[in-house]
C-alpha atoms as a PDB file:
ATOM      1  CA  UNK A   1      -5.659 -23.658   9.497  1.00  0.00           C
ATOM      2  CA  UNK A   2      -4.735 -21.897   6.291  1.00  0.00           C
ATOM      3  CA  UNK A   3      -2.811 -18.647   6.687  1.00  0.00           C
ATOM      4  CA  UNK A   4      -4.860 -15.867   5.069  1.00  0.00           C
ATOM      5  CA  UNK A   5      -2.461 -13.023   5.872  1.00  0.00           C
ATOM      6  CA  UNK A   6      -1.173 -12.762   2.298  1.00  0.00           C
ATOM      7  CA  UNK A   7      -4.694 -11.919   1.087  1.00  0.00           C
ATOM      8  CA  UNK A   8      -5.423  -9.251   3.703  1.00  0.00           C
ATOM      9  CA  UNK A   9      -3.845  -6.281   1.830  1.00  0.00           C
ATOM     10  CA  UNK A  10      -5.877  -7.034  -1.295  1.00  0.00           C
ATOM     11  CA  UNK A  11      -9.067  -7.444   0.758  1.00  0.00           C
ATOM     12  CA  UNK A  12      -8.421  -4.154   2.555  1.00  0.00           C
ATOM     13  CA  UNK A  13      -7.916  -2.486  -0.828  1.00  0.00           C
ATOM     14  CA  UNK A  14     -11.296  -3.866  -1.882  1.00  0.00           C
ATOM     15  CA  UNK A  15     -12.879  -2.452   1.291  1.00  0.00           C
ATOM     16  CA  UNK A  16     -11.568   1.008   0.440  1.00  0.00           C
ATOM     17  CA  UNK A  17     -13.022   0.838  -3.069  1.00  0.00           C
ATOM     18  CA  UNK A  18     -16.401  -0.415  -1.838  1.00  0.00           C
ATOM     19  CA  UNK A  19     -16.646   2.266   0.845  1.00  0.00           C
ATOM     20  CA  UNK A  20     -15.695   5.059  -1.538  1.00  0.00           C
ATOM     21  CA  UNK A  21     -18.082   3.901  -4.307  1.00  0.00           C
ATOM     22  CA  UNK A  22     -21.666   4.303  -3.036  1.00  0.00           C
ATOM     23  CA  UNK A  23     -23.073   4.884  -6.545  1.00  0.00           C
ATOM     24  CA  UNK A  24     -22.138   4.290 -10.209  1.00  0.00           C
ATOM     25  CA  UNK A  25     -20.606   7.772 -10.572  1.00  0.00           C
ATOM     26  CA  UNK A  26     -18.103   7.203  -7.801  1.00  0.00           C
ATOM     27  CA  UNK A  27     -17.496   3.583  -8.839  1.00  0.00           C
ATOM     28  CA  UNK A  28     -16.501   4.681 -12.344  1.00  0.00           C
ATOM     29  CA  UNK A  29     -14.498   7.697 -11.137  1.00  0.00           C
ATOM     30  CA  UNK A  30     -12.518   5.571  -8.665  1.00  0.00           C
ATOM     31  CA  UNK A  31     -11.859   2.942 -11.345  1.00  0.00           C
ATOM     32  CA  UNK A  32     -10.682   5.614 -13.777  1.00  0.00           C
ATOM     33  CA  UNK A  33      -8.183   6.921 -11.215  1.00  0.00           C
ATOM     34  CA  UNK A  34      -6.651   3.457 -10.974  1.00  0.00           C
ATOM     35  CA  UNK A  35      -6.503   3.066 -14.742  1.00  0.00           C
ATOM     36  CA  UNK A  36      -4.915   6.464 -15.366  1.00  0.00           C
ATOM     37  CA  UNK A  37      -2.313   5.901 -12.658  1.00  0.00           C
ATOM     38  CA  UNK A  38      -1.328   2.751 -14.552  1.00  0.00           C
ATOM     39  CA  UNK A  39      -0.950   4.358 -17.951  1.00  0.00           C
ATOM     40  CA  UNK A  40      -4.405   3.929 -19.485  1.00  0.00           C
ATOM     41  CA  UNK A  41      -5.327   6.705 -21.922  1.00  0.00           C
ATOM     42  CA  UNK A  42      -8.849   8.087 -22.292  1.00  0.00           C
ATOM     43  CA  UNK A  43     -10.505   7.803 -25.688  1.00  0.00           C
ATOM     44  CA  UNK A  44     -12.978  10.480 -26.742  1.00  0.00           C
ATOM     45  CA  UNK A  45     -16.165   8.970 -28.134  1.00  0.00           C
ATOM     46  CA  UNK A  46     -16.608  11.890 -30.540  1.00  0.00           C
ATOM     47  CA  UNK A  47     -13.314  11.083 -32.259  1.00  0.00           C
ATOM     48  CA  UNK A  48     -12.657   7.995 -34.398  1.00  0.00           C
ATOM     49  CA  UNK A  49     -10.821   5.240 -32.529  1.00  0.00           C
ATOM     50  CA  UNK A  50      -9.071   4.181 -35.736  1.00  0.00           C
ATOM     51  CA  UNK A  51      -5.554   5.549 -35.697  1.00  0.00           C
ATOM     52  CA  UNK A  52      -5.684   6.249 -31.969  1.00  0.00           C
ATOM     53  CA  UNK A  53      -5.749   2.609 -30.843  1.00  0.00           C
ATOM     54  CA  UNK A  54      -2.462   0.790 -31.360  1.00  0.00           C
ATOM     55  CA  UNK A  55      -0.930  -2.548 -30.457  1.00  0.00           C
ATOM     56  CA  UNK A  56       0.593  -2.410 -26.992  1.00  0.00           C
ATOM     57  CA  UNK A  57      -1.659   0.474 -25.926  1.00  0.00           C
ATOM     58  CA  UNK A  58      -3.957   0.764 -22.903  1.00  0.00           C
ATOM     59  CA  UNK A  59      -7.230   2.694 -23.210  1.00  0.00           C
ATOM     60  CA  UNK A  60     -10.577   3.452 -21.608  1.00  0.00           C
ATOM     61  CA  UNK A  61     -13.738   5.477 -22.146  1.00  0.00           C
ATOM     62  CA  UNK A  62     -16.871   6.158 -20.119  1.00  0.00           C
ATOM     63  CA  UNK A  63     -20.553   6.581 -20.964  1.00  0.00           C
ATOM     64  CA  UNK A  64     -22.600   9.077 -18.916  1.00  0.00           C
ATOM     65  CA  UNK A  65     -19.896   8.726 -16.243  1.00  0.00           C
ATOM     66  CA  UNK A  66     -21.709   5.593 -15.007  1.00  0.00           C
ATOM     67  CA  UNK A  67     -20.418   2.945 -17.438  1.00  0.00           C
ATOM     68  CA  UNK A  68     -16.812   2.105 -18.221  1.00  0.00           C
ATOM     69  CA  UNK A  69     -14.971   0.222 -20.946  1.00  0.00           C
ATOM     70  CA  UNK A  70     -11.240  -0.383 -20.474  1.00  0.00           C
ATOM     71  CA  UNK A  71      -8.964  -2.497 -22.635  1.00  0.00           C
ATOM     72  CA  UNK A  72      -5.373  -3.282 -23.439  1.00  0.00           C
ATOM     73  CA  UNK A  73      -4.198  -4.281 -26.906  1.00  0.00           C
ATOM     74  CA  UNK A  74      -1.576  -7.018 -26.918  1.00  0.00           C
ATOM     75  CA  UNK A  75       1.752  -6.016 -28.505  1.00  0.00           C
ATOM     76  CA  UNK A  76       1.393  -8.931 -30.948  1.00  0.00           C
ATOM     77  CA  UNK A  77      -2.241  -8.271 -31.782  1.00  0.00           C
ATOM     78  CA  UNK A  78      -3.268  -8.597 -35.406  1.00  0.00           C
ATOM     79  CA  UNK A  79      -6.627  -7.979 -37.034  1.00  0.00           C
ATOM     80  CA  UNK A  80      -8.836 -10.993 -36.526  1.00  0.00           C
ATOM     81  CA  UNK A  81      -7.309 -12.080 -33.233  1.00  0.00           C
ATOM     82  CA  UNK A  82      -9.479 -12.698 -30.198  1.00  0.00           C
ATOM     83  CA  UNK A  83     -10.826 -10.863 -27.167  1.00  0.00           C
ATOM     84  CA  UNK A  84     -10.688 -11.680 -23.463  1.00  0.00           C
ATOM     85  CA  UNK A  85     -13.663  -9.922 -21.849  1.00  0.00           C
ATOM     86  CA  UNK A  86     -14.896  -9.573 -18.255  1.00  0.00           C
ATOM     87  CA  UNK A  87     -18.329  -7.998 -17.728  1.00  0.00           C
ATOM     88  CA  UNK A  88     -19.877  -6.372 -14.688  1.00  0.00           C
ATOM     89  CA  UNK A  89     -22.171  -3.543 -13.680  1.00  0.00           C
ATOM     90  CA  UNK A  90     -21.710  -0.434 -11.562  1.00  0.00           C
ATOM     91  CA  UNK A  91     -25.247  -0.135 -10.181  1.00  0.00           C
ATOM     92  CA  UNK A  92     -26.730  -1.878  -7.142  1.00  0.00           C
ATOM     93  CA  UNK A  93     -30.187  -1.872  -5.531  1.00  0.00           C
ATOM     94  CA  UNK A  94     -30.702   1.287  -3.482  1.00  0.00           C
ATOM     95  CA  UNK A  95     -33.099   4.040  -2.519  1.00  0.00           C
ATOM     96  CA  UNK A  96     -33.018   6.827  -5.120  1.00  0.00           C
ATOM     97  CA  UNK A  97     -34.220  10.344  -4.359  1.00  0.00           C
ATOM     98  CA  UNK A  98     -37.354  11.102  -6.356  1.00  0.00           C
ATOM     99  CA  UNK A  99     -37.523  14.004  -8.846  1.00  0.00           C
ATOM    100  CA  UNK A 100     -39.956  15.573  -6.336  1.00  0.00           C
ATOM    101  CA  UNK A 101     -38.169  14.902  -3.077  1.00  0.00           C
ATOM    102  CA  UNK A 102     -40.231  17.003  -0.659  1.00  0.00           C
ATOM    103  CA  UNK A 103     -42.279  14.940   1.790  1.00  0.00           C
ATOM    104  CA  UNK A 104     -43.429  15.216   5.400  1.00  0.00           C
ATOM    105  CA  UNK A 105     -45.628  13.463   7.932  1.00  0.00           C
ATOM    106  CA  UNK A 106     -46.183  12.913  11.659  1.00  0.00           C
ATOM    107  CA  UNK A 107     -44.248  16.052  12.531  1.00  0.00           C
ATOM    108  CA  UNK A 108     -41.155  14.934  10.584  1.00  0.00           C
ATOM    109  CA  UNK A 109     -39.410  16.117   7.439  1.00  0.00           C
ATOM    110  CA  UNK A 110     -38.957  13.137   5.166  1.00  0.00           C
ATOM    111  CA  UNK A 111     -37.424  12.419   1.791  1.00  0.00           C
ATOM    112  CA  UNK A 112     -39.333  11.085  -1.194  1.00  0.00           C
ATOM    113  CA  UNK A 113     -37.472   8.035  -2.526  1.00  0.00           C
ATOM    114  CA  UNK A 114     -38.072   5.162  -4.912  1.00  0.00           C
ATOM    115  CA  UNK A 115     -36.756   1.618  -4.705  1.00  0.00           C
ATOM    116  CA  UNK A 116     -34.232   0.969  -7.483  1.00  0.00           C
ATOM    117  CA  UNK A 117     -33.665  -2.614  -8.522  1.00  0.00           C
ATOM    118  CA  UNK A 118     -34.596  -5.800  -6.704  1.00  0.00           C
ATOM    119  CA  UNK A 119     -33.368  -4.970  -3.226  1.00  0.00           C
ATOM    120  CA  UNK A 120     -33.943  -6.718   0.078  1.00  0.00           C
ATOM    121  CA  UNK A 121     -35.858  -3.701   1.313  1.00  0.00           C
ATOM    122  CA  UNK A 122     -36.479  -4.966   4.836  1.00  0.00           C
ATOM    123  CA  UNK A 123     -32.718  -4.699   5.420  1.00  0.00           C
ATOM    124  CA  UNK A 124     -32.797  -0.931   4.800  1.00  0.00           C
ATOM    125  CA  UNK A 125     -34.684  -0.207   8.011  1.00  0.00           C
ATOM    126  CA  UNK A 126     -32.836   1.337  10.972  1.00  0.00           C
ATOM    127  CA  UNK A 127     -29.634   2.015   9.056  1.00  0.00           C
ATOM    128  CA  UNK A 128     -27.559   5.204   9.117  1.00  0.00           C
ATOM    129  CA  UNK A 129     -27.987   6.607   5.618  1.00  0.00           C
ATOM    130  CA  UNK A 130     -25.930   9.151   3.723  1.00  0.00           C
ATOM    131  CA  UNK A 131     -26.532  10.668   0.280  1.00  0.00           C
ATOM    132  CA  UNK A 132     -24.356  10.515  -2.821  1.00  0.00           C
ATOM    133  CA  UNK A 133     -24.540  10.982  -6.573  1.00  0.00           C
ATOM    134  CA  UNK A 134     -24.365  13.699  -9.212  1.00  0.00           C
ATOM    135  CA  UNK A 135     -25.424  17.345  -8.950  1.00  0.00           C
ATOM    136  CA  UNK A 136     -25.902  19.565 -12.009  1.00  0.00           C
ATOM    137  CA  UNK A 137     -24.623  23.032 -11.152  1.00  0.00           C
ATOM    138  CA  UNK A 138     -25.227  26.289 -13.020  1.00  0.00           C
ATOM    139  CA  UNK A 139     -22.075  28.292 -13.577  1.00  0.00           C
ATOM    140  CA  UNK A 140     -20.601  30.868 -15.960  1.00  0.00           C
ATOM    141  CA  UNK A 141     -17.436  31.087 -17.992  1.00  0.00           C
ATOM    142  CA  UNK A 142     -16.132  33.655 -20.497  1.00  0.00           C
ATOM    143  CA  UNK A 143     -16.459  32.726 -24.175  1.00  0.00           C
ATOM    144  CA  UNK A 144     -13.967  33.545 -26.937  1.00  0.00           C
ATOM    145  CA  UNK A 145     -15.186  37.148 -26.942  1.00  0.00           C
ATOM    146  CA  UNK A 146     -14.826  37.540 -23.187  1.00  0.00           C
ATOM    147  CA  UNK A 147     -18.587  37.514 -22.609  1.00  0.00           C
ATOM    148  CA  UNK A 148     -19.887  35.516 -19.659  1.00  0.00           C
ATOM    149  CA  UNK A 149     -21.757  32.440 -20.854  1.00  0.00           C
ATOM    150  CA  UNK A 150     -23.928  30.225 -18.693  1.00  0.00           C
ATOM    151  CA  UNK A 151     -23.546  26.449 -18.744  1.00  0.00           C
ATOM    152  CA  UNK A 152     -24.205  23.474 -16.496  1.00  0.00           C
ATOM    153  CA  UNK A 153     -21.431  21.308 -15.093  1.00  0.00           C
ATOM    154  CA  UNK A 154     -21.524  18.047 -13.176  1.00  0.00           C
ATOM    155  CA  UNK A 155     -20.241  17.691  -9.651  1.00  0.00           C
ATOM    156  CA  UNK A 156     -20.174  14.508  -7.620  1.00  0.00           C
ATOM    157  CA  UNK A 157     -21.195  14.571  -3.985  1.00  0.00           C
ATOM    158  CA  UNK A 158     -20.800  12.061  -1.159  1.00  0.00           C
ATOM    159  CA  UNK A 159     -22.278  12.980   2.219  1.00  0.00           C
ATOM    160  CA  UNK A 160     -21.006  10.436   4.725  1.00  0.00           C
ATOM    161  CA  UNK A 161     -22.930  11.847   7.677  1.00  0.00           C
ATOM    162  CA  UNK A 162     -25.995   9.774   8.706  1.00  0.00           C
ATOM    163  CA  UNK A 163     -28.534  12.411   7.706  1.00  0.00           C
ATOM    164  CA  UNK A 164     -31.418  10.003   7.019  1.00  0.00           C
ATOM    165  CA  UNK A 165     -32.998   6.894   8.502  1.00  0.00           C
ATOM    166  CA  UNK A 166     -35.878   4.600   7.587  1.00  0.00           C
ATOM    167  CA  UNK A 167     -37.218   3.826  11.040  1.00  0.00           C
ATOM    168  CA  UNK A 168     -39.339   0.970  12.340  1.00  0.00           C
ATOM    169  CA  UNK A 169     -41.776   1.068  15.216  1.00  0.00           C
ATOM    170  CA  UNK A 170     -40.486  -0.047  18.588  1.00  0.00           C
ATOM    171  CA  UNK A 171     -41.492  -3.531  19.690  1.00  0.00           C
ATOM    172  CA  UNK A 172     -43.990  -2.193  22.267  1.00  0.00           C
ATOM    173  CA  UNK A 173     -46.115  -0.599  19.531  1.00  0.00           C
ATOM    174  CA  UNK A 174     -46.471  -3.770  17.498  1.00  0.00           C
ATOM    175  CA  UNK A 175     -48.367  -6.929  18.270  1.00  0.00           C
ATOM    176  CA  UNK A 176     -46.794 -10.347  17.843  1.00  0.00           C
ATOM    177  CA  UNK A 177     -48.913 -10.935  14.748  1.00  0.00           C
ATOM    178  CA  UNK A 178     -47.805  -7.623  13.221  1.00  0.00           C
ATOM    179  CA  UNK A 179     -44.157  -8.446  13.800  1.00  0.00           C
ATOM    180  CA  UNK A 180     -44.608 -11.899  12.305  1.00  0.00           C
ATOM    181  CA  UNK A 181     -46.405 -10.530   9.246  1.00  0.00           C
ATOM    182  CA  UNK A 182     -43.973  -7.659   8.672  1.00  0.00           C
ATOM    183  CA  UNK A 183     -44.357  -6.560   5.052  1.00  0.00           C
ATOM    184  CA  UNK A 184     -42.797  -3.541   3.361  1.00  0.00           C
ATOM    185  CA  UNK A 185     -44.978  -1.063   1.481  1.00  0.00           C
ATOM    186  CA  UNK A 186     -42.309   0.587  -0.654  1.00  0.00           C
ATOM    187  CA  UNK A 187     -44.266   3.828  -1.072  1.00  0.00           C
ATOM    188  CA  UNK A 188     -45.522   4.333   2.482  1.00  0.00           C
ATOM    189  CA  UNK A 189     -42.840   2.689   4.616  1.00  0.00           C
ATOM    190  CA  UNK A 190     -39.556   3.550   2.904  1.00  0.00           C
ATOM    191  CA  UNK A 191     -39.452   7.357   3.209  1.00  0.00           C
ATOM    192  CA  UNK A 192     -36.361   8.264   5.279  1.00  0.00           C
ATOM    193  CA  UNK A 193     -36.653  10.833   8.073  1.00  0.00           C
ATOM    194  CA  UNK A 194     -34.332  13.839   7.765  1.00  0.00           C
ATOM    195  CA  UNK A 195     -35.408  16.070  10.644  1.00  0.00           C
ATOM    196  CA  UNK A 196     -38.329  17.214  12.764  1.00  0.00           C
ATOM    197  CA  UNK A 197     -40.837  19.732  11.448  1.00  0.00           C
ATOM    198  CA  UNK A 198     -39.346  22.266  13.872  1.00  0.00           C
ATOM    199  CA  UNK A 199     -36.174  22.357  11.758  1.00  0.00           C
ATOM    200  CA  UNK A 200     -38.161  23.329   8.655  1.00  0.00           C
ATOM    201  CA  UNK A 201     -40.167  25.964  10.542  1.00  0.00           C
ATOM    202  CA  UNK A 202     -36.918  27.439  11.831  1.00  0.00           C
ATOM    203  CA  UNK A 203     -35.481  27.493   8.302  1.00  0.00           C
ATOM    204  CA  UNK A 204     -38.590  29.206   6.895  1.00  0.00           C
ATOM    205  CA  UNK A 205     -38.417  31.830   9.612  1.00  0.00           C
ATOM    206  CA  UNK A 206     -34.770  32.540   8.812  1.00  0.00           C
ATOM    207  CA  UNK A 207     -35.607  32.917   5.130  1.00  0.00           C
ATOM    208  CA  UNK A 208     -38.432  35.346   5.877  1.00  0.00           C
ATOM    209  CA  UNK A 209     -36.129  37.363   8.104  1.00  0.00           C
ATOM    210  CA  UNK A 210     -33.374  37.298   5.503  1.00  0.00           C
ATOM    211  CA  UNK A 211     -30.915  35.389   7.657  1.00  0.00           C
ATOM    212  CA  UNK A 212     -30.547  32.283   5.494  1.00  0.00           C
ATOM    213  CA  UNK A 213     -27.917  32.143   2.766  1.00  0.00           C
ATOM    214  CA  UNK A 214     -29.027  30.554  -0.483  1.00  0.00           C
ATOM    215  CA  UNK A 215     -32.735  30.532   0.317  1.00  0.00           C
ATOM    216  CA  UNK A 216     -35.076  28.759  -2.109  1.00  0.00           C
ATOM    217  CA  UNK A 217     -36.803  31.028  -4.633  1.00  0.00           C
ATOM    218  CA  UNK A 218     -40.520  30.475  -5.212  1.00  0.00           C
ATOM    219  CA  UNK A 219     -40.206  31.201  -8.938  1.00  0.00           C
ATOM    220  CA  UNK A 220     -38.172  28.037  -9.617  1.00  0.00           C
ATOM    221  CA  UNK A 221     -40.545  25.114 -10.231  1.00  0.00           C
ATOM    222  CA  UNK A 222     -37.940  22.409  -9.734  1.00  0.00           C
ATOM    223  CA  UNK A 223     -36.614  23.809  -6.446  1.00  0.00           C
ATOM    224  CA  UNK A 224     -40.131  24.238  -5.079  1.00  0.00           C
ATOM    225  CA  UNK A 225     -40.561  20.459  -5.270  1.00  0.00           C
ATOM    226  CA  UNK A 226     -37.307  19.678  -3.441  1.00  0.00           C
ATOM    227  CA  UNK A 227     -36.710  19.450   0.273  1.00  0.00           C
ATOM    228  CA  UNK A 228     -35.114  22.821   1.250  1.00  0.00           C
ATOM    229  CA  UNK A 229     -32.946  21.293   3.976  1.00  0.00           C
ATOM    230  CA  UNK A 230     -31.460  18.840   1.473  1.00  0.00           C
ATOM    231  CA  UNK A 231     -30.756  21.609  -1.047  1.00  0.00           C
ATOM    232  CA  UNK A 232     -29.085  23.730   1.611  1.00  0.00           C
ATOM    233  CA  UNK A 233     -26.906  20.810   2.719  1.00  0.00           C
ATOM    234  CA  UNK A 234     -25.851  20.056  -0.868  1.00  0.00           C
ATOM    235  CA  UNK A 235     -25.052  23.720  -1.494  1.00  0.00           C
ATOM    236  CA  UNK A 236     -22.923  23.936   1.639  1.00  0.00           C
ATOM    237  CA  UNK A 237     -20.995  20.763   0.768  1.00  0.00           C
ATOM    238  CA  UNK A 238     -20.273  21.965  -2.780  1.00  0.00           C
ATOM    239  CA  UNK A 239     -19.669  25.562  -1.681  1.00  0.00           C
ATOM    240  CA  UNK A 240     -22.303  26.958  -4.045  1.00  0.00           C
ATOM    241  CA  UNK A 241     -25.627  28.795  -3.724  1.00  0.00           C
ATOM    242  CA  UNK A 242     -28.887  26.865  -3.662  1.00  0.00           C
ATOM    243  CA  UNK A 243     -30.065  28.761  -6.740  1.00  0.00           C
ATOM    244  CA  UNK A 244     -27.122  27.296  -8.690  1.00  0.00           C
ATOM    245  CA  UNK A 245     -28.430  23.735  -8.291  1.00  0.00           C
ATOM    246  CA  UNK A 246     -30.158  22.872 -11.578  1.00  0.00           C
ATOM    247  CA  UNK A 247     -30.907  19.202 -10.897  1.00  0.00           C
ATOM    248  CA  UNK A 248     -29.484  16.119  -9.238  1.00  0.00           C
ATOM    249  CA  UNK A 249     -29.439  12.333  -9.341  1.00  0.00           C
ATOM    250  CA  UNK A 250     -28.940  11.107  -5.799  1.00  0.00           C
ATOM    251  CA  UNK A 251     -29.236   7.880  -3.889  1.00  0.00           C
ATOM    252  CA  UNK A 252     -28.966   6.817  -0.276  1.00  0.00           C
ATOM    253  CA  UNK A 253     -26.323   4.458   1.082  1.00  0.00           C
ATOM    254  CA  UNK A 254     -25.399   2.861   4.382  1.00  0.00           C
ATOM    255  CA  UNK A 255     -22.616   4.905   5.975  1.00  0.00           C
ATOM    256  CA  UNK A 256     -21.193   1.784   7.657  1.00  0.00           C
ATOM    257  CA  UNK A 257     -17.853   1.273   5.864  1.00  0.00           C
ATOM    258  CA  UNK A 258     -16.791  -2.030   4.345  1.00  0.00           C
ATOM    259  CA  UNK A 259     -14.598  -4.107   6.624  1.00  0.00           C
ATOM    260  CA  UNK A 260     -13.065  -7.519   7.194  1.00  0.00           C
ATOM    261  CA  UNK A 261     -14.863  -9.788   9.648  1.00  0.00           C
ATOM    262  CA  UNK A 262     -14.680 -13.130  11.329  1.00  0.00           C
ATOM    263  CA  UNK A 263     -12.080 -14.265  13.846  1.00  0.00           C
ATOM    264  CA  UNK A 264      -9.546 -14.803  11.073  1.00  0.00           C
ATOM    265  CA  UNK A 265     -10.627 -11.784   8.975  1.00  0.00           C
ATOM    266  CA  UNK A 266     -11.698 -14.263   6.319  1.00  0.00           C
ATOM    267  CA  UNK A 267     -14.966 -12.485   5.439  1.00  0.00           C
ATOM    268  CA  UNK A 268     -15.545  -9.182   3.734  1.00  0.00           C
ATOM    269  CA  UNK A 269     -18.638  -7.313   4.956  1.00  0.00           C
ATOM    270  CA  UNK A 270     -19.961  -4.598   2.682  1.00  0.00           C
ATOM    271  CA  UNK A 271     -22.951  -3.207   0.878  1.00  0.00           C
ATOM    272  CA  UNK A 272     -23.099  -3.305  -2.936  1.00  0.00           C
ATOM    273  CA  UNK A 273     -21.117  -6.546  -3.286  1.00  0.00           C
ATOM    274  CA  UNK A 274     -23.467  -7.180  -6.198  1.00  0.00           C
ATOM    275  CA  UNK A 275     -21.801  -6.043  -8.357  1.00  0.00           C
ATOM    276  CA  UNK A 276     -18.987  -3.779  -7.201  1.00  0.00           C
ATOM    277  CA  UNK A 277     -16.940  -6.797  -6.161  1.00  0.00           C
ATOM    278  CA  UNK A 278     -16.763  -7.772  -9.838  1.00  0.00           C
ATOM    279  CA  UNK A 279     -15.925  -4.173 -10.811  1.00  0.00           C
ATOM    280  CA  UNK A 280     -13.051  -4.123  -8.347  1.00  0.00           C
ATOM    281  CA  UNK A 281     -11.452  -7.460  -9.195  1.00  0.00           C
ATOM    282  CA  UNK A 282     -11.872  -7.020 -12.959  1.00  0.00           C
ATOM    283  CA  UNK A 283     -10.118  -3.633 -13.008  1.00  0.00           C
ATOM    284  CA  UNK A 284      -7.419  -4.937 -10.670  1.00  0.00           C
ATOM    285  CA  UNK A 285      -7.006  -8.002 -12.886  1.00  0.00           C
ATOM    286  CA  UNK A 286      -6.721  -5.944 -16.067  1.00  0.00           C
ATOM    287  CA  UNK A 287      -4.116  -3.666 -14.494  1.00  0.00           C
ATOM    288  CA  UNK A 288      -2.155  -6.629 -13.139  1.00  0.00           C
ATOM    289  CA  UNK A 289      -2.187  -8.271 -16.580  1.00  0.00           C
ATOM    290  CA  UNK A 290      -0.886  -5.148 -18.330  1.00  0.00           C
ATOM    291  CA  UNK A 291       1.946  -4.899 -15.794  1.00  0.00           C
ATOM    292  CA  UNK A 292       2.924  -8.581 -16.073  1.00  0.00           C
ATOM    293  CA  UNK A 293       5.310 -10.444 -18.337  1.00  0.00           C
ATOM    294  CA  UNK A 294       2.410 -12.199 -20.078  1.00  0.00           C
ATOM    295  CA  UNK A 295       1.388  -8.867 -21.586  1.00  0.00           C
ATOM    296  CA  UNK A 296       4.639  -8.743 -23.562  1.00  0.00           C
ATOM    297  CA  UNK A 297       3.567 -11.670 -25.761  1.00  0.00           C
ATOM    298  CA  UNK A 298      -0.210 -11.111 -25.708  1.00  0.00           C
ATOM    299  CA  UNK A 299      -1.904 -11.474 -29.089  1.00  0.00           C
ATOM    300  CA  UNK A 300      -5.436 -10.538 -27.986  1.00  0.00           C
ATOM    301  CA  UNK A 301      -7.399  -7.568 -26.660  1.00  0.00           C
ATOM    302  CA  UNK A 302      -8.032  -7.801 -22.910  1.00  0.00           C
ATOM    303  CA  UNK A 303     -11.191  -5.882 -22.017  1.00  0.00           C
ATOM    304  CA  UNK A 304     -13.376  -4.979 -19.034  1.00  0.00           C
ATOM    305  CA  UNK A 305     -16.947  -3.709 -19.621  1.00  0.00           C
ATOM    306  CA  UNK A 306     -18.761  -2.264 -16.619  1.00  0.00           C
ATOM    307  CA  UNK A 307     -22.330  -1.379 -17.550  1.00  0.00           C
ATOM    308  CA  UNK A 308     -25.001   0.621 -15.722  1.00  0.00           C
ATOM    309  CA  UNK A 309     -28.693  -0.140 -15.065  1.00  0.00           C
ATOM    310  CA  UNK A 310     -28.264  -3.908 -14.918  1.00  0.00           C
ATOM    311  CA  UNK A 311     -30.599  -3.932 -11.920  1.00  0.00           C
ATOM    312  CA  UNK A 312     -33.505  -2.492 -13.928  1.00  0.00           C
ATOM    313  CA  UNK A 313     -32.616  -3.281 -17.533  1.00  0.00           C
ATOM    314  CA  UNK A 314     -31.861  -0.899 -20.368  1.00  0.00           C
ATOM    315  CA  UNK A 315     -33.224  -0.305 -23.855  1.00  0.00           C
ATOM    316  CA  UNK A 316     -29.917   1.059 -25.123  1.00  0.00           C
END
C-alpha cells in the first residue's frame, strides 16, 4: 500500500482553506493573505500598470473583492513572450439570502433564500447552516476640514454557529410513495428555519419596552424587509448598531468543517470542492513556482485568474 503520509500536510492545509472560505469574499481574502505573505504586491486598477509591472516582479489585483488575478513576471521576460495561465472560479452553488429576507410560517421564523447555481439541492436538507458574506456598514470619518462625513464601508462576516436549518419531515409523516417521489420545490421547500415565532414576539416586546439595543426603525424601507433577528445577530457580531447596516450580500454554508477521511486519510471531504479546490492548488502552485529555482530563468508570465459567477454566467 502506498504511503500517503507525505501528502497529509498539504491536504490539511487545503482543509483549512476550504473551511475558512465559505463564499467568494473569504476565498479571495484568504488567497490574498497567502500572496502578500510571499511578496506579491497589489496593483491598483485605477493606476496604469505600465511602469509598475517589471520583470521579476510578483503582483495581484482583485475585482469586487470576489475575483482575483495574480501573476509573476519571469526575470528573463521580454515583450512578446508567452503566458502560463491557470483559471478557476471562487463561487459555488449555495443558498443566498434574498434582498427581502423576512419570512415566516407554521409558527417558525424563516429566512428567504434563493438557489444560486446548479446545486444538488436535496443535499442541503437537515444540515447545520451558518451565514457568511459581505455587509455594507454606514460609518463616519472626518474630512480634510475636520467635518464628519458619512460613507459606507465593507465588512466580511462569517457566523460559524448553526443558526439555520432546512428541515425535512420525519419518516412517520410521509408515505412510502411520497418518500420515493421526493422532489424539491426551491421556493417552498428551501427556506431555512431560524427560530420559533416566540423568539420574534419576545424581541418585539423588548423593542416596545425599550430594552433592545439596536432595534429596527420603521422608517427604513430596506430594514423593514429584513428578518430582525438576523440583523441583530449581524450587528452583535460586527459590534455595530442595527441602524448602521446599509445592505448585505450573504449566503448559507454547511458548518461541518473540511476534513480528511477514509481509513488511510486518502480522501478529502468538503463542501465547495467545485471550484475552491482549483483556487487552492493554483495559488499554492503559483507561490511554489515563484519560490523555486525555475523562476530564476523563467521567460514567461505565470498567471492565475480566479473569476466569480461561473455558476450563473456573467455578461461582463
